[in-house]
N, C-alpha and C. Protein backbone atom coordinates (compact mmCIF):
# COMPACT_ATOMS: atom_id res chain seq x y z
N MET A 1 15.92 -18.48 -15.28
CA MET A 1 16.87 -17.57 -15.65
C MET A 1 17.99 -17.78 -14.57
N ALA A 2 19.17 -17.64 -14.90
CA ALA A 2 20.36 -17.69 -14.15
C ALA A 2 20.90 -16.64 -13.88
N LEU A 3 21.86 -16.48 -12.79
CA LEU A 3 22.55 -15.19 -12.41
C LEU A 3 23.49 -14.95 -13.59
N GLN A 4 23.47 -13.84 -14.01
CA GLN A 4 24.45 -13.52 -15.28
C GLN A 4 25.28 -12.27 -15.20
N GLN A 5 26.14 -12.20 -16.00
CA GLN A 5 26.97 -11.01 -16.07
C GLN A 5 26.33 -9.69 -16.47
N ILE A 6 26.46 -8.75 -15.63
CA ILE A 6 25.57 -7.54 -15.98
C ILE A 6 26.39 -6.91 -17.12
N PRO A 7 25.60 -6.29 -18.16
CA PRO A 7 26.40 -5.89 -19.33
C PRO A 7 27.41 -4.57 -19.01
N ALA A 8 28.54 -4.80 -19.82
CA ALA A 8 29.61 -3.77 -19.50
C ALA A 8 29.03 -2.36 -19.75
N GLN A 9 28.21 -2.20 -20.80
CA GLN A 9 27.74 -0.94 -21.02
C GLN A 9 27.00 -0.40 -19.95
N TRP A 10 26.06 -1.06 -19.65
CA TRP A 10 24.90 -0.67 -18.52
C TRP A 10 25.98 -0.22 -17.22
N ARG A 11 26.86 -1.16 -16.77
CA ARG A 11 27.65 -0.97 -15.64
C ARG A 11 28.35 0.36 -15.79
N LYS A 12 28.97 0.58 -16.98
CA LYS A 12 29.79 1.75 -17.38
C LYS A 12 28.71 3.04 -17.20
N GLU A 13 27.84 2.96 -17.85
CA GLU A 13 26.88 4.17 -17.67
C GLU A 13 26.29 4.47 -16.31
N VAL A 14 25.90 3.50 -15.64
CA VAL A 14 25.46 3.70 -14.32
C VAL A 14 26.58 4.12 -13.35
N CYS A 15 27.81 3.55 -13.44
CA CYS A 15 28.82 4.12 -12.66
C CYS A 15 29.16 5.51 -13.05
N ALA A 16 29.26 5.94 -14.43
CA ALA A 16 29.48 7.34 -14.74
C ALA A 16 28.55 8.31 -13.98
N ILE A 17 27.13 7.84 -13.77
CA ILE A 17 26.09 8.68 -13.25
C ILE A 17 26.33 8.75 -11.64
N LEU A 18 26.51 7.64 -11.05
CA LEU A 18 26.81 7.66 -9.75
C LEU A 18 28.01 8.53 -9.29
N ALA A 19 29.04 8.45 -10.30
CA ALA A 19 30.27 9.35 -10.00
C ALA A 19 29.98 10.76 -9.94
N THR A 20 29.01 11.28 -10.50
CA THR A 20 28.67 12.63 -10.38
C THR A 20 27.99 13.10 -8.95
N GLU A 21 27.42 12.03 -8.24
CA GLU A 21 26.66 12.37 -6.94
C GLU A 21 25.74 13.38 -7.11
N ARG A 22 25.02 13.49 -8.02
CA ARG A 22 24.00 14.64 -8.33
C ARG A 22 22.65 13.94 -8.02
N THR A 23 22.53 13.65 -6.83
CA THR A 23 21.36 13.33 -6.21
C THR A 23 20.16 14.10 -6.33
N GLY A 24 18.96 13.59 -6.85
CA GLY A 24 18.03 14.45 -7.13
C GLY A 24 17.80 14.92 -8.61
N SER A 25 18.85 15.01 -9.34
CA SER A 25 18.79 15.27 -10.79
C SER A 25 18.96 14.18 -11.62
N LEU A 26 20.28 13.67 -11.22
CA LEU A 26 20.76 12.60 -12.33
C LEU A 26 20.51 11.19 -11.57
N ILE A 27 20.40 11.19 -10.22
CA ILE A 27 20.33 9.95 -9.35
C ILE A 27 19.16 10.22 -8.58
N ARG A 28 17.97 9.39 -9.02
CA ARG A 28 16.81 9.52 -8.13
C ARG A 28 16.43 8.44 -7.40
N TRP A 29 15.75 8.59 -6.25
CA TRP A 29 15.53 7.38 -5.36
C TRP A 29 13.84 7.12 -5.24
N THR A 30 13.33 6.04 -5.13
CA THR A 30 12.10 5.98 -4.61
C THR A 30 12.06 6.22 -3.15
N ASP A 31 10.86 6.65 -2.62
CA ASP A 31 10.58 7.03 -1.26
C ASP A 31 11.03 5.70 -0.37
N ASP A 32 10.55 4.52 -0.83
CA ASP A 32 11.00 3.29 -0.23
C ASP A 32 12.31 2.72 -0.16
N ALA A 33 13.13 3.21 -1.26
CA ALA A 33 14.34 2.92 -1.27
C ALA A 33 15.21 3.82 -0.28
N ILE A 34 14.80 5.19 -0.33
CA ILE A 34 15.50 6.00 0.80
C ILE A 34 15.23 5.41 2.24
N ALA A 35 14.00 5.09 2.54
CA ALA A 35 13.70 4.56 3.85
C ALA A 35 14.52 3.45 4.23
N ARG A 36 14.45 2.43 3.27
CA ARG A 36 15.14 1.30 3.68
C ARG A 36 16.55 1.36 3.75
N TYR A 37 17.31 2.20 2.79
CA TYR A 37 18.75 2.46 2.73
C TYR A 37 18.92 3.20 4.00
N GLU A 38 18.19 4.16 4.59
CA GLU A 38 18.75 4.99 5.78
C GLU A 38 18.74 3.97 6.94
N ALA A 39 17.68 3.20 7.00
CA ALA A 39 17.53 2.32 8.21
C ALA A 39 18.67 1.50 8.23
N SER A 40 18.88 0.64 7.00
CA SER A 40 19.97 -0.25 6.78
C SER A 40 21.54 0.31 7.25
N ALA A 41 21.80 1.45 6.54
CA ALA A 41 22.92 2.12 6.52
C ALA A 41 23.30 2.53 8.05
N ALA A 42 22.25 3.16 8.85
CA ALA A 42 22.26 3.49 9.90
C ALA A 42 22.73 2.54 10.95
N ALA A 43 22.07 1.14 10.60
CA ALA A 43 22.39 -0.01 11.48
C ALA A 43 23.80 -0.42 11.31
N VAL A 44 24.30 -0.42 10.10
CA VAL A 44 25.65 -0.94 9.73
C VAL A 44 26.59 0.19 10.40
N LYS A 45 26.30 1.33 10.34
CA LYS A 45 27.27 2.53 10.90
C LYS A 45 27.47 2.35 12.26
N VAL A 46 26.23 2.06 13.19
CA VAL A 46 26.15 2.01 14.44
C VAL A 46 26.79 0.87 14.84
N ARG A 47 26.75 -0.29 14.12
CA ARG A 47 27.68 -1.51 14.62
C ARG A 47 29.15 -1.46 14.57
N ALA A 48 29.35 -0.41 13.64
CA ALA A 48 31.04 -0.10 13.50
C ALA A 48 31.32 1.16 14.28
N GLY A 49 30.47 1.43 15.32
CA GLY A 49 30.71 2.46 16.04
C GLY A 49 30.69 4.03 15.55
N ASP A 50 30.13 4.07 14.45
CA ASP A 50 29.92 5.51 13.80
C ASP A 50 28.50 5.79 13.92
N ASN A 51 28.44 6.91 14.75
CA ASN A 51 27.23 7.67 14.89
C ASN A 51 26.85 8.82 13.90
N ASN A 52 27.46 9.11 12.89
CA ASN A 52 27.32 10.02 11.97
C ASN A 52 26.03 9.81 11.25
N PRO A 53 25.47 11.00 10.77
CA PRO A 53 24.24 10.86 10.03
C PRO A 53 24.49 9.96 8.63
N VAL A 54 23.44 9.46 8.12
CA VAL A 54 23.53 8.67 6.95
C VAL A 54 23.26 9.61 5.74
N TRP A 55 24.01 9.42 4.67
CA TRP A 55 23.80 10.30 3.59
C TRP A 55 23.80 9.36 2.41
N GLN A 56 22.86 9.71 1.38
CA GLN A 56 22.61 8.84 0.15
C GLN A 56 23.72 8.69 -0.62
N ASN A 57 24.74 9.60 -0.80
CA ASN A 57 25.81 9.62 -1.64
C ASN A 57 26.99 8.63 -0.89
N GLU A 58 26.68 8.18 0.27
CA GLU A 58 27.69 7.24 0.75
C GLU A 58 27.72 5.83 0.22
N ILE A 59 26.46 5.35 -0.34
CA ILE A 59 26.41 4.11 -0.97
C ILE A 59 26.82 4.09 -2.47
N TYR A 60 27.07 5.27 -2.96
CA TYR A 60 27.38 5.26 -4.34
C TYR A 60 28.95 4.57 -4.82
N GLN A 61 29.83 4.88 -3.91
CA GLN A 61 31.21 4.23 -4.24
C GLN A 61 31.17 2.95 -4.02
N PRO A 62 30.54 2.12 -3.07
CA PRO A 62 30.36 0.80 -2.92
C PRO A 62 29.59 0.17 -4.01
N ILE A 63 28.60 0.88 -4.28
CA ILE A 63 27.89 0.29 -5.74
C ILE A 63 28.86 0.41 -6.97
N ARG A 64 29.54 1.49 -7.12
CA ARG A 64 30.56 1.49 -8.24
C ARG A 64 31.55 0.61 -8.22
N ASP A 65 32.18 0.39 -6.78
CA ASP A 65 33.17 -0.70 -6.87
C ASP A 65 32.72 -2.14 -7.23
N PHE A 66 31.50 -2.65 -6.80
CA PHE A 66 30.81 -3.78 -7.27
C PHE A 66 30.79 -3.92 -8.84
N LEU A 67 30.02 -2.57 -9.35
CA LEU A 67 29.84 -2.71 -10.85
C LEU A 67 30.97 -2.50 -11.57
N SER A 68 32.31 -2.10 -11.00
CA SER A 68 33.47 -1.94 -11.82
C SER A 68 34.24 -3.33 -11.94
N SER A 69 33.68 -4.22 -11.14
CA SER A 69 34.35 -5.52 -11.04
C SER A 69 33.95 -6.30 -12.42
N PRO A 70 34.77 -7.00 -13.07
CA PRO A 70 34.67 -7.55 -14.32
C PRO A 70 33.71 -8.80 -13.99
N GLN A 71 33.62 -9.16 -12.88
CA GLN A 71 32.79 -10.32 -12.41
C GLN A 71 31.40 -9.96 -11.86
N ALA A 72 31.02 -8.65 -12.18
CA ALA A 72 29.65 -8.26 -11.63
C ALA A 72 28.66 -8.94 -12.22
N LYS A 73 27.83 -9.62 -11.42
CA LYS A 73 26.53 -10.61 -11.73
C LYS A 73 25.49 -10.15 -11.10
N GLY A 74 24.39 -10.23 -11.78
CA GLY A 74 22.97 -9.82 -11.30
C GLY A 74 21.82 -10.61 -12.00
N CYS A 75 20.67 -9.88 -11.96
CA CYS A 75 19.59 -10.37 -12.65
C CYS A 75 18.86 -9.24 -13.26
N PRO A 76 18.60 -9.35 -14.49
CA PRO A 76 17.74 -8.30 -15.24
C PRO A 76 16.44 -8.49 -14.48
N LYS A 77 15.66 -7.34 -14.51
CA LYS A 77 14.46 -7.08 -14.01
C LYS A 77 13.59 -6.43 -14.81
N GLU A 78 12.35 -6.92 -15.16
CA GLU A 78 11.41 -6.22 -15.87
C GLU A 78 10.56 -5.25 -14.98
N MET A 79 10.52 -3.81 -15.40
CA MET A 79 9.89 -2.93 -14.54
C MET A 79 8.86 -2.30 -15.53
N PRO A 80 7.63 -2.38 -15.11
CA PRO A 80 6.57 -1.80 -16.17
C PRO A 80 6.63 -0.22 -16.24
N TYR A 81 7.26 0.32 -15.24
CA TYR A 81 7.17 1.92 -15.30
C TYR A 81 8.12 2.11 -14.16
N PRO A 82 9.12 3.22 -14.46
CA PRO A 82 9.48 3.89 -15.74
C PRO A 82 10.20 3.03 -16.79
N PRO A 83 10.17 3.53 -17.93
CA PRO A 83 10.77 2.56 -18.93
C PRO A 83 12.31 2.75 -18.77
N GLY A 84 13.10 1.44 -18.98
CA GLY A 84 14.31 1.62 -18.79
C GLY A 84 14.88 0.29 -18.57
N TYR A 85 16.19 -0.01 -18.27
CA TYR A 85 16.83 -1.27 -17.95
C TYR A 85 17.26 -1.21 -16.63
N THR A 86 16.80 -2.50 -15.96
CA THR A 86 16.98 -2.66 -14.63
C THR A 86 17.74 -3.93 -14.22
N TYR A 87 18.62 -3.76 -13.28
CA TYR A 87 19.37 -5.06 -12.84
C TYR A 87 19.41 -4.99 -11.29
N ASP A 88 19.25 -6.09 -10.67
CA ASP A 88 19.46 -6.32 -9.18
C ASP A 88 20.58 -6.95 -8.84
N PHE A 89 21.30 -6.89 -7.82
CA PHE A 89 22.67 -7.32 -7.46
C PHE A 89 22.86 -7.41 -6.05
N LEU A 90 23.87 -8.16 -5.61
CA LEU A 90 24.23 -8.22 -4.16
C LEU A 90 25.70 -7.46 -4.19
N PHE A 91 26.05 -6.69 -3.15
CA PHE A 91 27.12 -6.07 -3.07
C PHE A 91 27.63 -5.70 -1.58
N LEU A 92 28.68 -5.24 -1.23
CA LEU A 92 29.06 -4.95 0.04
C LEU A 92 29.05 -3.39 0.28
N TYR A 93 28.51 -3.10 1.45
CA TYR A 93 28.64 -1.82 2.23
C TYR A 93 29.21 -2.03 3.51
N ARG A 94 30.35 -1.18 3.80
CA ARG A 94 30.93 -1.51 5.01
C ARG A 94 31.15 -2.93 5.38
N GLY A 95 31.35 -3.91 4.46
CA GLY A 95 31.58 -5.17 4.78
C GLY A 95 30.56 -6.08 5.08
N GLU A 96 29.31 -5.39 4.93
CA GLU A 96 28.03 -6.12 5.26
C GLU A 96 27.16 -6.41 3.80
N GLY A 97 26.58 -7.48 3.53
CA GLY A 97 25.80 -7.70 2.34
C GLY A 97 24.54 -6.92 2.26
N PHE A 98 24.42 -6.19 1.13
CA PHE A 98 23.39 -5.28 0.57
C PHE A 98 22.83 -5.68 -0.67
N TYR A 99 21.58 -5.54 -0.89
CA TYR A 99 20.87 -5.69 -2.05
C TYR A 99 20.67 -4.43 -2.81
N GLY A 100 20.97 -4.25 -4.06
CA GLY A 100 20.69 -3.09 -4.78
C GLY A 100 20.00 -3.56 -6.11
N LYS A 101 19.03 -2.50 -6.45
CA LYS A 101 18.45 -2.67 -7.72
C LYS A 101 18.25 -1.27 -8.28
N ILE A 102 18.91 -1.08 -9.54
CA ILE A 102 18.92 0.28 -10.18
C ILE A 102 18.28 0.12 -11.63
N LEU A 103 17.57 1.12 -11.95
CA LEU A 103 17.04 1.30 -13.33
C LEU A 103 17.88 2.47 -13.99
N LEU A 104 18.39 2.21 -15.24
CA LEU A 104 18.95 3.16 -16.02
C LEU A 104 17.83 3.41 -17.18
N PHE A 105 17.44 4.83 -16.93
CA PHE A 105 16.34 5.22 -17.81
C PHE A 105 16.78 5.27 -19.40
N LYS A 106 15.92 5.06 -20.06
CA LYS A 106 16.01 4.77 -21.64
C LYS A 106 16.81 5.85 -22.25
N ASP A 107 17.04 7.12 -21.72
CA ASP A 107 17.87 8.13 -22.06
C ASP A 107 19.28 7.85 -21.95
N ARG A 108 19.49 7.19 -20.95
CA ARG A 108 20.94 6.64 -20.45
C ARG A 108 21.70 7.69 -19.93
N LYS A 109 20.72 8.54 -19.34
CA LYS A 109 21.47 9.93 -18.69
C LYS A 109 21.06 9.91 -17.16
N LYS A 110 20.16 9.24 -16.54
CA LYS A 110 19.59 9.21 -15.15
C LYS A 110 19.37 7.97 -14.85
N ILE A 111 19.57 7.65 -13.53
CA ILE A 111 19.18 6.37 -12.81
C ILE A 111 18.01 6.61 -11.64
N LEU A 112 17.48 5.58 -11.49
CA LEU A 112 16.49 5.45 -10.14
C LEU A 112 16.81 4.37 -9.28
N VAL A 113 17.20 4.72 -8.10
CA VAL A 113 17.60 3.60 -7.13
C VAL A 113 16.22 3.10 -6.68
N LEU A 114 16.06 1.94 -6.83
CA LEU A 114 14.89 1.27 -6.25
C LEU A 114 15.05 0.45 -5.17
N SER A 115 16.22 0.08 -4.96
CA SER A 115 16.72 -0.73 -3.62
C SER A 115 18.11 -0.49 -3.36
N ALA A 116 18.45 -0.34 -2.14
CA ALA A 116 19.73 -0.27 -1.54
C ALA A 116 19.75 -0.50 -0.07
N HIS A 117 19.71 -1.70 0.24
CA HIS A 117 19.52 -1.97 1.71
C HIS A 117 20.06 -3.36 2.12
N LEU A 118 20.29 -3.65 3.37
CA LEU A 118 20.76 -4.78 3.74
C LEU A 118 20.04 -5.96 3.06
N GLN A 119 20.91 -7.01 2.78
CA GLN A 119 20.33 -8.26 2.13
C GLN A 119 19.75 -8.93 3.08
N ASP A 120 18.33 -9.31 2.64
CA ASP A 120 17.36 -9.94 3.54
C ASP A 120 17.02 -11.33 2.86
N PHE A 121 17.86 -11.88 2.05
CA PHE A 121 17.82 -13.19 1.54
C PHE A 121 19.07 -13.48 1.08
N GLU A 122 19.19 -15.07 0.93
CA GLU A 122 20.42 -15.63 0.77
C GLU A 122 21.01 -15.31 -0.66
N LYS A 123 20.14 -15.28 -1.79
CA LYS A 123 20.54 -15.12 -3.02
C LYS A 123 19.43 -14.40 -3.89
N LEU A 124 19.84 -13.94 -4.98
CA LEU A 124 18.91 -13.36 -5.84
C LEU A 124 17.96 -14.28 -6.50
N SER A 125 16.79 -13.92 -6.84
CA SER A 125 15.66 -14.64 -7.39
C SER A 125 16.13 -15.56 -8.59
N CYS A 126 16.93 -14.99 -9.31
CA CYS A 126 17.52 -15.71 -10.70
C CYS A 126 18.56 -16.57 -10.51
N ASP A 127 19.20 -16.71 -9.32
CA ASP A 127 20.40 -17.41 -9.01
C ASP A 127 19.90 -18.84 -8.61
N ASP A 128 19.81 -19.65 -9.66
CA ASP A 128 19.59 -21.10 -9.44
C ASP A 128 20.45 -21.95 -8.59
């Protein structure tokens, strides 16, 4: 499978949910995603001379910026649970490469952030 355009409807729905910044109710995170995000974002902020705490909602706008681009590409991912539509993608957070993986629940009203951390590989698995 090759890197592909992420469907516009999926991107639109995910961006609308991210815009609410309703972490915990509409925007859920796995424990692993929180831990990796906090470590990655803190490292990026420290390198930039910013010693302020890391907040989950700080990543929402960079993800929205990427997903709002007409050229947003990624890989569809099969997730056995929970049911939904998942894509992974590479985007920028404060000028550094990050890896993201988000599941849009089947009701299309909530998302689950599965990954949002520093990119630790050169390209996505489906990018031939």
